[in-house]
């Protein structure tokens, strides 16, 4: 190519082609996130659409599994357990019989990956 000559047509179209490839890749990734599961390319791994802790029942079962080795079977005296979801975190607590004073077991669990963020017991 000589200086001052117009750019060959193939080179003129490279940037738009690159843009289209990147745009379609992003759209495909977005569709994957909204589907049944999110697949991480190149790894044999997925995250369920609703996260690993999709509901109250699952959050409570995880909290029980964490509390049992720490507090023992006495943890079951705090039934019913309650779980509330806020900002992607399950807040799971025990309960006391009406009129009783004291604290209850608490656990915070990440909805997406199931990570235990905090465990404690009030006084």
N, C-alpha and C. Protein backbone atom coordinates (compact mmCIF):
# COMPACT_ATOMS: atom_id res chain seq x y z
N UNK A 1 0.84 -1.16 0.00
CA UNK A 1 0.00 0.00 0.00
C UNK A 1 0.89 1.24 0.00
N UNK A 2 0.59 2.14 -0.86
CA UNK A 2 1.36 3.38 -1.02
C UNK A 2 0.67 4.47 -0.22
N UNK A 3 1.52 5.32 0.38
CA UNK A 3 0.98 6.41 1.19
C UNK A 3 0.09 7.30 0.32
N UNK A 4 -1.08 7.66 0.85
CA UNK A 4 -1.99 8.53 0.13
C UNK A 4 -3.06 7.76 -0.62
N UNK A 5 -2.89 6.44 -0.76
CA UNK A 5 -3.92 5.63 -1.43
C UNK A 5 -5.04 5.32 -0.45
N UNK A 6 -6.24 5.14 -0.95
CA UNK A 6 -7.35 4.81 -0.05
C UNK A 6 -7.12 3.44 0.60
N UNK A 7 -7.66 3.27 1.80
CA UNK A 7 -7.53 2.03 2.54
C UNK A 7 -8.30 0.94 1.81
N UNK A 8 -7.74 -0.26 1.72
CA UNK A 8 -8.49 -1.35 1.07
C UNK A 8 -9.80 -1.59 1.83
N UNK A 9 -10.82 -2.03 1.10
CA UNK A 9 -12.15 -2.21 1.68
C UNK A 9 -12.14 -3.19 2.85
N UNK A 10 -11.33 -4.22 2.79
CA UNK A 10 -11.31 -5.21 3.88
C UNK A 10 -10.91 -4.55 5.20
N UNK A 11 -9.94 -3.65 5.16
CA UNK A 11 -9.48 -2.98 6.38
C UNK A 11 -10.54 -2.00 6.89
N UNK A 12 -11.33 -1.44 6.01
CA UNK A 12 -12.37 -0.51 6.41
C UNK A 12 -13.47 -1.21 7.21
N UNK A 13 -13.63 -2.49 7.01
CA UNK A 13 -14.71 -3.23 7.63
C UNK A 13 -14.28 -4.01 8.88
N UNK A 14 -13.02 -3.97 9.24
CA UNK A 14 -12.55 -4.74 10.39
C UNK A 14 -13.16 -4.24 11.70
N UNK A 15 -13.16 -2.92 11.92
CA UNK A 15 -13.71 -2.40 13.17
C UNK A 15 -15.19 -2.74 13.35
N UNK A 16 -16.02 -2.53 12.33
CA UNK A 16 -17.43 -2.93 12.52
C UNK A 16 -17.58 -4.42 12.79
N UNK A 17 -16.77 -5.24 12.16
CA UNK A 17 -16.84 -6.70 12.39
C UNK A 17 -16.46 -7.03 13.83
N UNK A 18 -15.40 -6.40 14.31
CA UNK A 18 -14.98 -6.62 15.70
C UNK A 18 -16.08 -6.20 16.65
N UNK A 19 -16.70 -5.04 16.38
CA UNK A 19 -17.80 -4.57 17.23
C UNK A 19 -18.94 -5.58 17.25
N UNK A 20 -19.33 -6.10 16.10
CA UNK A 20 -20.43 -7.06 16.03
C UNK A 20 -20.09 -8.33 16.81
N UNK A 21 -18.87 -8.81 16.69
CA UNK A 21 -18.46 -10.02 17.41
C UNK A 21 -18.53 -9.80 18.92
N UNK A 22 -18.01 -8.67 19.39
CA UNK A 22 -18.04 -8.36 20.82
C UNK A 22 -19.48 -8.20 21.30
N UNK A 23 -20.29 -7.48 20.54
CA UNK A 23 -21.69 -7.26 20.93
C UNK A 23 -22.45 -8.57 21.03
N UNK A 24 -22.31 -9.46 20.07
CA UNK A 24 -23.04 -10.73 20.11
C UNK A 24 -22.53 -11.61 21.24
N UNK A 25 -21.25 -11.53 21.57
CA UNK A 25 -20.72 -12.30 22.70
C UNK A 25 -21.33 -11.83 24.00
N UNK A 26 -21.45 -10.53 24.17
CA UNK A 26 -22.05 -9.97 25.39
C UNK A 26 -23.51 -10.38 25.47
N UNK A 27 -24.23 -10.31 24.36
CA UNK A 27 -25.64 -10.71 24.36
C UNK A 27 -25.80 -12.18 24.70
N UNK A 28 -24.94 -13.02 24.18
CA UNK A 28 -24.99 -14.45 24.47
C UNK A 28 -24.74 -14.70 25.94
N UNK A 29 -23.78 -13.98 26.52
CA UNK A 29 -23.49 -14.13 27.95
C UNK A 29 -24.70 -13.71 28.78
N UNK A 30 -25.36 -12.63 28.37
CA UNK A 30 -26.55 -12.14 29.08
C UNK A 30 -27.66 -13.18 29.04
N UNK A 31 -27.89 -13.81 27.89
CA UNK A 31 -28.91 -14.85 27.77
C UNK A 31 -28.57 -16.01 28.68
N UNK A 32 -27.29 -16.37 28.77
CA UNK A 32 -26.86 -17.49 29.59
C UNK A 32 -27.17 -17.22 31.06
N UNK A 33 -26.99 -15.97 31.51
CA UNK A 33 -27.26 -15.61 32.90
C UNK A 33 -28.75 -15.72 33.19
N UNK A 34 -29.60 -15.39 32.22
CA UNK A 34 -31.03 -15.41 32.44
C UNK A 34 -31.65 -16.79 32.24
N UNK A 35 -30.87 -17.76 31.78
CA UNK A 35 -31.37 -19.11 31.56
C UNK A 35 -31.45 -19.89 32.85
N UNK A 36 -31.46 -21.21 32.75
CA UNK A 36 -31.57 -22.07 33.92
C UNK A 36 -30.34 -22.00 34.81
N UNK A 37 -29.17 -21.84 34.24
CA UNK A 37 -27.95 -21.82 35.03
C UNK A 37 -26.93 -20.92 34.34
N UNK A 38 -25.98 -20.46 35.10
CA UNK A 38 -24.91 -19.64 34.54
C UNK A 38 -23.70 -20.54 34.39
N UNK A 39 -23.22 -20.68 33.18
CA UNK A 39 -22.06 -21.51 32.93
C UNK A 39 -20.83 -20.63 32.81
N UNK A 40 -19.77 -21.03 33.47
CA UNK A 40 -18.52 -20.29 33.40
C UNK A 40 -17.68 -20.97 32.33
N UNK A 41 -17.45 -20.26 31.24
CA UNK A 41 -16.78 -20.83 30.09
C UNK A 41 -15.40 -21.35 30.46
N UNK A 42 -15.06 -22.53 29.96
CA UNK A 42 -13.75 -23.10 30.18
C UNK A 42 -13.63 -23.86 31.49
N UNK A 43 -14.67 -23.86 32.28
CA UNK A 43 -14.65 -24.58 33.54
C UNK A 43 -15.85 -25.52 33.59
N UNK A 44 -15.70 -26.60 34.30
CA UNK A 44 -16.82 -27.53 34.49
C UNK A 44 -17.54 -27.09 35.76
N UNK A 45 -18.29 -26.00 35.64
CA UNK A 45 -18.90 -25.37 36.81
C UNK A 45 -20.12 -24.57 36.38
N UNK A 46 -21.13 -24.56 37.21
CA UNK A 46 -22.28 -23.69 36.93
C UNK A 46 -22.87 -23.20 38.24
N UNK A 47 -23.61 -22.12 38.14
CA UNK A 47 -24.33 -21.56 39.27
C UNK A 47 -25.81 -21.58 38.89
N UNK A 48 -26.66 -22.24 39.69
CA UNK A 48 -28.08 -22.28 39.36
C UNK A 48 -28.66 -20.87 39.24
N UNK A 49 -29.66 -20.72 38.40
CA UNK A 49 -30.29 -19.42 38.15
C UNK A 49 -30.71 -18.74 39.45
N UNK A 50 -31.28 -19.48 40.38
CA UNK A 50 -31.75 -18.93 41.66
C UNK A 50 -30.68 -18.97 42.74
N UNK A 51 -29.44 -19.31 42.38
CA UNK A 51 -28.38 -19.43 43.37
C UNK A 51 -28.41 -20.79 44.04
N UNK A 52 -27.37 -21.09 44.83
CA UNK A 52 -27.30 -22.38 45.51
C UNK A 52 -28.25 -22.44 46.71
N UNK A 53 -28.72 -21.30 47.17
CA UNK A 53 -29.65 -21.25 48.31
C UNK A 53 -30.92 -20.52 47.82
N UNK A 54 -31.76 -21.23 47.06
CA UNK A 54 -32.87 -20.56 46.38
C UNK A 54 -34.07 -20.20 47.23
N UNK A 55 -34.20 -20.82 48.43
CA UNK A 55 -35.42 -20.59 49.19
C UNK A 55 -35.17 -20.68 50.69
N UNK A 56 -36.20 -20.33 51.45
CA UNK A 56 -36.14 -20.29 52.91
C UNK A 56 -35.78 -21.66 53.50
N UNK A 57 -36.40 -22.71 52.98
CA UNK A 57 -36.16 -24.06 53.49
C UNK A 57 -34.67 -24.45 53.38
N UNK A 58 -34.07 -24.16 52.24
CA UNK A 58 -32.66 -24.49 52.03
C UNK A 58 -31.78 -23.68 52.97
N UNK A 59 -32.08 -22.40 53.14
CA UNK A 59 -31.30 -21.55 54.04
C UNK A 59 -31.36 -22.09 55.46
N UNK A 60 -32.53 -22.50 55.91
CA UNK A 60 -32.68 -23.03 57.27
C UNK A 60 -31.90 -24.33 57.43
N UNK A 61 -31.96 -25.20 56.45
CA UNK A 61 -31.24 -26.48 56.54
C UNK A 61 -29.73 -26.26 56.60
N UNK A 62 -29.23 -25.29 55.85
CA UNK A 62 -27.80 -24.97 55.90
C UNK A 62 -27.44 -24.43 57.28
N UNK A 63 -28.26 -23.51 57.79
CA UNK A 63 -28.00 -22.93 59.12
C UNK A 63 -27.99 -24.03 60.18
N UNK A 64 -28.95 -24.94 60.14
CA UNK A 64 -28.97 -26.04 61.10
C UNK A 64 -27.69 -26.87 61.03
N UNK A 65 -27.23 -27.15 59.82
CA UNK A 65 -26.01 -27.95 59.65
C UNK A 65 -24.79 -27.23 60.22
N UNK A 66 -24.79 -25.91 60.17
CA UNK A 66 -23.68 -25.12 60.71
C UNK A 66 -23.80 -25.01 62.23
N UNK A 67 -25.01 -24.78 62.72
CA UNK A 67 -25.21 -24.59 64.16
C UNK A 67 -24.99 -25.87 64.97
N UNK A 68 -25.40 -27.01 64.46
CA UNK A 68 -25.37 -28.27 65.21
C UNK A 68 -23.99 -28.59 65.80
N UNK A 69 -22.90 -28.54 65.03
CA UNK A 69 -21.60 -28.84 65.64
C UNK A 69 -21.11 -27.76 66.61
N UNK A 70 -21.63 -26.55 66.47
CA UNK A 70 -21.20 -25.45 67.33
C UNK A 70 -21.98 -25.46 68.64
N UNK A 71 -23.32 -25.54 68.57
CA UNK A 71 -24.18 -25.37 69.73
C UNK A 71 -24.79 -26.67 70.24
N UNK A 72 -24.65 -27.75 69.48
CA UNK A 72 -25.21 -29.03 69.89
C UNK A 72 -26.70 -29.13 69.62
N UNK A 73 -27.28 -30.25 70.09
CA UNK A 73 -28.70 -30.53 69.83
C UNK A 73 -29.64 -29.56 70.52
N UNK A 74 -29.13 -28.80 71.48
CA UNK A 74 -29.99 -27.82 72.15
C UNK A 74 -30.49 -26.75 71.18
N UNK A 75 -29.84 -26.66 70.03
CA UNK A 75 -30.26 -25.69 69.01
C UNK A 75 -31.71 -25.94 68.59
N UNK A 76 -32.16 -27.21 68.66
CA UNK A 76 -33.52 -27.54 68.23
C UNK A 76 -34.58 -27.00 69.18
N UNK A 77 -34.17 -26.56 70.38
CA UNK A 77 -35.11 -25.92 71.30
C UNK A 77 -35.52 -24.54 70.80
N UNK A 78 -34.80 -24.04 69.79
CA UNK A 78 -35.09 -22.70 69.24
C UNK A 78 -35.98 -22.75 68.00
N UNK A 79 -36.58 -23.89 67.75
CA UNK A 79 -37.53 -23.99 66.64
C UNK A 79 -38.79 -23.22 66.97
N UNK A 80 -39.48 -22.68 66.03
CA UNK A 80 -39.22 -22.73 64.59
C UNK A 80 -38.11 -21.75 64.19
N UNK A 81 -37.34 -22.18 63.20
CA UNK A 81 -36.32 -21.30 62.63
C UNK A 81 -36.99 -20.45 61.56
N UNK A 82 -36.49 -19.24 61.38
CA UNK A 82 -37.03 -18.32 60.38
C UNK A 82 -35.90 -17.87 59.46
N UNK A 83 -36.23 -17.63 58.21
CA UNK A 83 -35.24 -17.13 57.24
C UNK A 83 -35.87 -16.00 56.43
N UNK A 84 -35.13 -14.92 56.31
CA UNK A 84 -35.57 -13.78 55.50
C UNK A 84 -34.45 -13.41 54.54
N UNK A 85 -34.82 -13.09 53.31
CA UNK A 85 -33.86 -12.72 52.28
C UNK A 85 -33.82 -11.21 52.12
N UNK A 86 -32.62 -10.63 52.18
CA UNK A 86 -32.45 -9.19 51.96
C UNK A 86 -31.11 -8.96 51.28
N UNK A 87 -31.14 -8.30 50.13
CA UNK A 87 -29.93 -7.95 49.38
C UNK A 87 -29.04 -9.15 49.09
N UNK A 88 -29.66 -10.27 48.74
CA UNK A 88 -28.90 -11.46 48.36
C UNK A 88 -28.33 -12.25 49.52
N UNK A 89 -28.75 -11.93 50.75
CA UNK A 89 -28.27 -12.65 51.93
C UNK A 89 -29.47 -13.19 52.70
N UNK A 90 -29.42 -14.48 53.05
CA UNK A 90 -30.43 -15.08 53.90
C UNK A 90 -30.04 -14.83 55.35
N UNK A 91 -30.96 -14.26 56.14
CA UNK A 91 -30.77 -14.05 57.57
C UNK A 91 -31.63 -15.10 58.28
N UNK A 92 -30.97 -16.08 58.89
CA UNK A 92 -31.67 -17.19 59.52
C UNK A 92 -31.52 -17.05 61.03
N UNK A 93 -32.64 -17.17 61.75
CA UNK A 93 -32.61 -17.05 63.21
C UNK A 93 -33.47 -18.13 63.85
N UNK A 94 -33.12 -18.43 65.09
CA UNK A 94 -33.97 -19.29 65.90
C UNK A 94 -35.05 -18.42 66.52
N UNK A 95 -35.90 -19.03 67.33
CA UNK A 95 -36.93 -18.26 68.03
C UNK A 95 -37.06 -18.80 69.45
N UNK A 96 -37.57 -17.97 70.33
CA UNK A 96 -37.78 -18.36 71.73
C UNK A 96 -39.27 -18.49 72.00
N UNK A 97 -39.63 -19.35 72.94
CA UNK A 97 -41.04 -19.42 73.32
C UNK A 97 -41.51 -18.07 73.86
N UNK A 98 -42.77 -17.79 73.69
CA UNK A 98 -43.33 -16.51 74.13
C UNK A 98 -43.05 -16.29 75.61
N UNK A 99 -42.57 -15.10 75.93
CA UNK A 99 -42.29 -14.75 77.32
C UNK A 99 -40.88 -15.08 77.78
N UNK A 100 -40.14 -15.84 77.02
CA UNK A 100 -38.77 -16.19 77.41
C UNK A 100 -37.84 -15.04 77.06
N UNK A 101 -36.81 -14.88 77.86
CA UNK A 101 -35.77 -13.89 77.59
C UNK A 101 -34.50 -14.62 77.15
N UNK A 102 -33.73 -13.96 76.33
CA UNK A 102 -32.47 -14.57 75.89
C UNK A 102 -32.26 -14.37 74.41
N UNK A 103 -31.16 -14.91 73.93
CA UNK A 103 -30.82 -14.76 72.53
C UNK A 103 -31.06 -16.04 71.76
N UNK A 104 -30.93 -15.94 70.47
CA UNK A 104 -31.13 -17.09 69.58
C UNK A 104 -29.96 -17.21 68.61
N UNK A 105 -29.86 -18.37 68.01
CA UNK A 105 -28.84 -18.60 67.00
C UNK A 105 -29.15 -17.75 65.77
N UNK A 106 -28.08 -17.28 65.13
CA UNK A 106 -28.22 -16.47 63.93
C UNK A 106 -27.20 -16.94 62.90
N UNK A 107 -27.57 -16.86 61.64
CA UNK A 107 -26.65 -17.17 60.55
C UNK A 107 -26.99 -16.28 59.36
N UNK A 108 -25.95 -15.86 58.66
CA UNK A 108 -26.12 -15.10 57.41
C UNK A 108 -25.47 -15.93 56.31
N UNK A 109 -26.23 -16.17 55.24
CA UNK A 109 -25.80 -17.06 54.17
C UNK A 109 -26.01 -16.37 52.83
N UNK A 110 -24.97 -16.35 52.00
CA UNK A 110 -25.05 -15.77 50.67
C UNK A 110 -25.95 -16.63 49.79
N UNK A 111 -26.96 -16.03 49.18
CA UNK A 111 -27.93 -16.75 48.34
C UNK A 111 -27.28 -17.38 47.11
N UNK A 112 -26.37 -16.65 46.48
CA UNK A 112 -25.80 -17.12 45.22
C UNK A 112 -24.85 -18.30 45.42
N UNK A 113 -23.89 -18.17 46.34
CA UNK A 113 -22.87 -19.21 46.45
C UNK A 113 -22.95 -20.06 47.73
N UNK A 114 -23.86 -19.72 48.65
CA UNK A 114 -24.03 -20.51 49.85
C UNK A 114 -22.99 -20.25 50.93
N UNK A 115 -22.14 -19.26 50.72
CA UNK A 115 -21.09 -18.96 51.69
C UNK A 115 -21.70 -18.51 53.01
N UNK A 116 -21.17 -19.03 54.11
CA UNK A 116 -21.60 -18.63 55.44
C UNK A 116 -20.88 -17.32 55.76
N UNK A 117 -21.63 -16.24 55.90
CA UNK A 117 -21.06 -14.93 56.13
C UNK A 117 -20.88 -14.62 57.60
N UNK A 118 -21.79 -15.14 58.44
CA UNK A 118 -21.71 -14.86 59.88
C UNK A 118 -22.54 -15.88 60.63
N UNK A 119 -22.02 -16.30 61.79
CA UNK A 119 -22.75 -17.18 62.69
C UNK A 119 -22.56 -16.63 64.10
N UNK A 120 -23.65 -16.54 64.86
CA UNK A 120 -23.53 -16.08 66.24
C UNK A 120 -24.73 -16.57 67.04
N UNK A 121 -24.66 -16.32 68.34
CA UNK A 121 -25.79 -16.65 69.21
C UNK A 121 -25.94 -15.51 70.20
N UNK A 122 -27.12 -14.91 70.25
CA UNK A 122 -27.37 -13.82 71.18
C UNK A 122 -27.40 -14.32 72.62
N UNK A 123 -27.37 -13.38 73.55
CA UNK A 123 -27.39 -13.75 74.98
C UNK A 123 -28.74 -13.52 75.59
